[in-house]
Protein backbone atom coordinates (compact mmCIF):
# COMPACT_ATOMS: atom_id res chain seq x y z
CA UNK A 1 108.36 103.10 89.91
CA UNK A 2 109.02 99.71 90.99
CA UNK A 3 109.37 98.03 94.15
CA UNK A 4 109.60 94.44 95.48
CA UNK A 5 107.49 93.91 98.49
CA UNK A 6 108.41 90.54 100.23
CA UNK A 7 105.45 89.63 102.63
CA UNK A 8 106.56 87.11 105.44
CA UNK A 9 104.05 85.78 107.79
CA UNK A 10 105.48 84.90 111.18
CA UNK A 11 107.07 81.54 112.21
CA UNK A 12 105.28 79.41 114.59
CA UNK A 13 104.76 81.54 117.97
CA UNK A 14 103.80 80.52 121.67
CA UNK A 15 99.56 80.34 121.32
CA UNK A 16 97.79 82.58 122.91
CA UNK A 17 96.00 82.49 126.42
CA UNK A 18 92.41 81.64 125.94
CA UNK A 19 90.22 83.96 127.37
CA UNK A 20 92.71 86.76 128.01
CA UNK A 21 93.68 89.64 125.31
CA UNK A 22 96.31 88.70 122.68
CA UNK A 23 99.65 89.58 123.64
CA UNK A 24 101.97 91.29 121.40
CA UNK A 25 104.99 90.13 123.12
CA UNK A 26 104.41 86.32 122.45
CA UNK A 27 107.69 84.86 121.20
CA UNK A 28 108.54 82.38 118.69
CA UNK A 29 108.45 78.77 119.92
CA UNK A 30 111.81 76.77 119.73
CA UNK A 31 110.49 75.37 116.31
CA UNK A 32 109.66 78.89 114.91
CA UNK A 33 112.89 80.56 115.89
CA UNK A 34 114.84 77.26 114.19
CA UNK A 35 112.38 77.71 111.18
CA UNK A 36 113.62 81.48 111.06
CA UNK A 37 117.24 80.73 110.26
CA UNK A 38 116.77 78.81 106.57
CA UNK A 39 114.21 81.70 106.06
CA UNK A 40 116.94 84.40 107.01
CA UNK A 41 119.31 82.79 104.47
CA UNK A 42 116.81 82.87 101.44
CA UNK A 43 115.36 86.29 102.45
CA UNK A 44 118.77 88.09 102.89
CA UNK A 45 119.74 86.47 99.07
CA UNK A 46 116.63 88.69 97.95
CA UNK A 47 119.19 91.67 98.52
CA UNK A 48 116.70 93.59 100.63
CA UNK A 49 116.98 97.32 101.13
CA UNK A 50 114.88 97.35 104.06
CA UNK A 51 113.20 95.19 106.44
CA UNK A 52 109.88 96.61 108.02
CA UNK A 53 107.77 94.65 110.53
CA UNK A 54 104.65 94.66 112.51
CA UNK A 55 105.46 95.66 116.30
CA UNK A 56 104.54 92.24 117.50
CA UNK A 57 107.33 90.28 118.61
CA UNK A 58 106.87 87.02 116.88
CA UNK A 59 106.79 89.06 113.22
CA UNK A 60 109.90 90.89 114.38
CA UNK A 61 111.75 87.61 115.56
CA UNK A 62 110.84 86.12 112.31
CA UNK A 63 112.31 88.73 110.18
CA UNK A 64 115.38 89.85 112.27
CA UNK A 65 117.74 87.34 111.34
CA UNK A 66 117.30 88.19 107.65
CA UNK A 67 117.98 91.71 108.37
CA UNK A 68 121.11 90.75 110.47
CA UNK A 69 122.42 88.88 107.35
CA UNK A 70 121.60 91.71 105.29
CA UNK A 71 123.41 94.32 107.58
CA UNK A 72 119.96 95.99 108.05
CA UNK A 73 117.83 97.25 111.31
CA UNK A 74 114.15 95.90 111.55
CA UNK A 75 111.87 99.31 111.68
CA UNK A 76 108.54 98.62 113.13
CA UNK A 77 105.27 100.13 111.99
CA UNK A 78 102.00 99.82 114.10
CA UNK A 79 99.99 99.56 110.84
CA UNK A 80 101.38 96.14 110.05
CA UNK A 81 100.05 94.73 113.15
CA UNK A 82 97.73 92.01 113.43
CA UNK A 83 94.00 92.08 112.59
CA UNK A 84 92.16 93.63 115.58
CA UNK A 85 89.37 91.26 115.54
CA UNK A 86 87.74 92.36 118.47
CA UNK A 87 87.76 88.95 119.93
CA UNK A 88 90.19 87.91 122.82
CA UNK A 89 91.74 84.33 122.23
CA UNK A 90 89.34 81.70 122.24
CA UNK A 91 89.23 78.16 121.31
CA UNK A 92 86.24 78.77 118.73
CA UNK A 93 87.98 81.61 116.77
CA UNK A 94 87.40 79.90 113.73
CA UNK A 95 83.53 80.75 113.78
CA UNK A 96 84.48 84.17 114.24
CA UNK A 97 86.91 84.26 111.56
CA UNK A 98 84.75 82.15 109.31
CA UNK A 99 81.74 84.84 109.74
CA UNK A 100 84.35 87.44 109.07
CA UNK A 101 85.61 86.08 106.01
CA UNK A 102 81.72 85.31 104.87
CA UNK A 103 80.81 89.05 105.65
CA UNK A 104 83.85 91.49 105.36
CA UNK A 105 81.86 94.19 106.60
CA UNK A 106 81.18 92.43 110.03
CA UNK A 107 82.98 93.86 113.11
CA UNK A 108 82.92 92.71 116.52
CA UNK A 109 82.17 96.07 119.13
CA UNK A 110 85.64 97.78 119.02
CA UNK A 111 86.97 95.60 116.37
CA UNK A 112 87.96 95.97 112.94
CA UNK A 113 86.23 94.68 109.94
CA UNK A 114 88.12 92.70 107.23
CA UNK A 115 87.41 95.28 104.81
CA UNK A 116 88.69 97.75 107.14
CA UNK A 117 92.06 95.45 107.41
CA UNK A 118 92.21 95.07 103.52
CA UNK A 119 92.22 98.92 103.54
CA UNK A 120 94.87 99.51 106.24
CA UNK A 121 96.93 96.70 104.52
CA UNK A 122 96.73 97.90 101.21
CA UNK A 123 97.57 101.36 102.30
CA UNK A 124 100.55 100.53 104.25
CA UNK A 125 101.90 98.32 101.86
CA UNK A 126 101.54 101.04 99.13
CA UNK A 127 103.35 103.65 101.37
CA UNK A 128 106.08 101.40 101.98
CA UNK A 129 106.52 100.89 97.89
CA UNK A 130 106.65 104.64 97.56
CA UNK A 131 109.15 105.24 100.22
CA UNK A 132 111.30 102.45 99.01
CA UNK A 133 111.36 102.92 95.16
CA UNK A 134 113.68 100.43 93.45
CA UNK A 135 114.19 98.43 96.46
CA UNK A 136 113.06 95.06 98.00
CA UNK A 137 111.20 95.40 101.50
CA UNK A 138 111.02 92.65 103.41
CA UNK A 139 107.51 93.08 105.23
CA UNK A 140 107.08 90.86 108.71
CA UNK A 141 103.55 90.66 109.60
CA UNK A 142 100.62 88.13 110.27
CA UNK A 143 98.50 85.47 108.42
CA UNK A 144 95.40 87.68 108.45
CA UNK A 145 96.76 90.77 107.46
CA UNK A 146 98.71 88.98 104.79
CA UNK A 147 95.83 87.29 103.72
CA UNK A 148 93.45 90.22 103.41
CA UNK A 149 96.35 92.13 101.42
CA UNK A 150 96.36 89.34 98.89
CA UNK A 151 92.53 89.00 98.86
CA UNK A 152 92.51 92.65 97.69
CA UNK A 153 94.41 91.95 95.04
CA UNK A 154 93.57 89.12 93.38
CA UNK A 155 90.38 86.51 93.39
CA UNK A 156 90.58 83.16 95.12
CA UNK A 157 92.02 84.24 98.73
CA UNK A 158 89.46 83.04 101.20
CA UNK A 159 88.96 81.93 104.63
CA UNK A 160 90.40 78.50 103.73
CA UNK A 161 93.66 79.89 102.15
CA UNK A 162 94.26 82.15 105.42
CA UNK A 163 93.61 79.11 107.74
CA UNK A 164 95.91 76.94 105.85
CA UNK A 165 98.62 79.34 105.41
CA UNK A 166 101.89 77.87 107.01
CA UNK A 167 103.72 79.52 109.32
CA UNK A 168 106.32 81.20 108.40
CA UNK A 169 105.30 81.97 104.49
CA UNK A 170 106.68 84.27 102.03
CA UNK A 171 104.68 85.97 99.26
CA UNK A 172 106.51 88.45 96.84
CA UNK A 173 104.45 91.29 95.30
CA UNK A 174 105.85 93.93 92.68
CA UNK A 175 104.78 97.42 92.87
CA UNK A 176 104.95 99.29 89.30
CA UNK A 177 103.50 102.88 88.85
CA UNK A 178 100.71 102.77 91.63
CA UNK A 179 99.89 99.03 90.77
CA UNK A 180 100.62 96.20 93.16
CA UNK A 181 100.72 93.04 91.41
CA UNK A 182 101.39 89.51 92.94
CA UNK A 183 104.18 87.86 91.46
CA UNK A 184 103.00 84.50 93.17
CA UNK A 185 106.70 83.90 93.86
CA UNK A 186 105.74 82.37 96.91
CA UNK A 187 107.77 79.94 99.06
CA UNK A 188 106.75 78.04 101.97
CA UNK A 189 109.56 76.96 104.07
């Protein structure tokens, strides 16, 4: 069993409104939409057999042009969503994120710890790989989701890596017989 999983961190999106809950319907900015077009050519050239995304609009809008070029529909899956940090958008989010990366078991009330996110991300990608044996699956998601998935697979993925990940960013993983291996064929537009 082999499946390539191509993780796509969404392009630049409209920022959240501080003090209000994150809005899953935030679209890409004009710059983010423009970045999705050349990305679409590159992703479609990988001959994807499926395009699956977080249901958040910014993730769907990032992979939709590639899906269209490949003649595929974007399927959304709730388990690919953004990290539920338990924190409303705030200018000092970095303090909370750094604390969470330093203690992956820390969770704000009603939120998800980074350890829980890592388990969710790993299970979601494993299911996709099993369902698409022999295929290439484009996965539209979010920076913390992608970072925590990679952190669960290889050392050296930390808060700095997550914080500095560009929008969009692409990382390719190979699933073989139950093991996920980062091939580090990452490409940053």
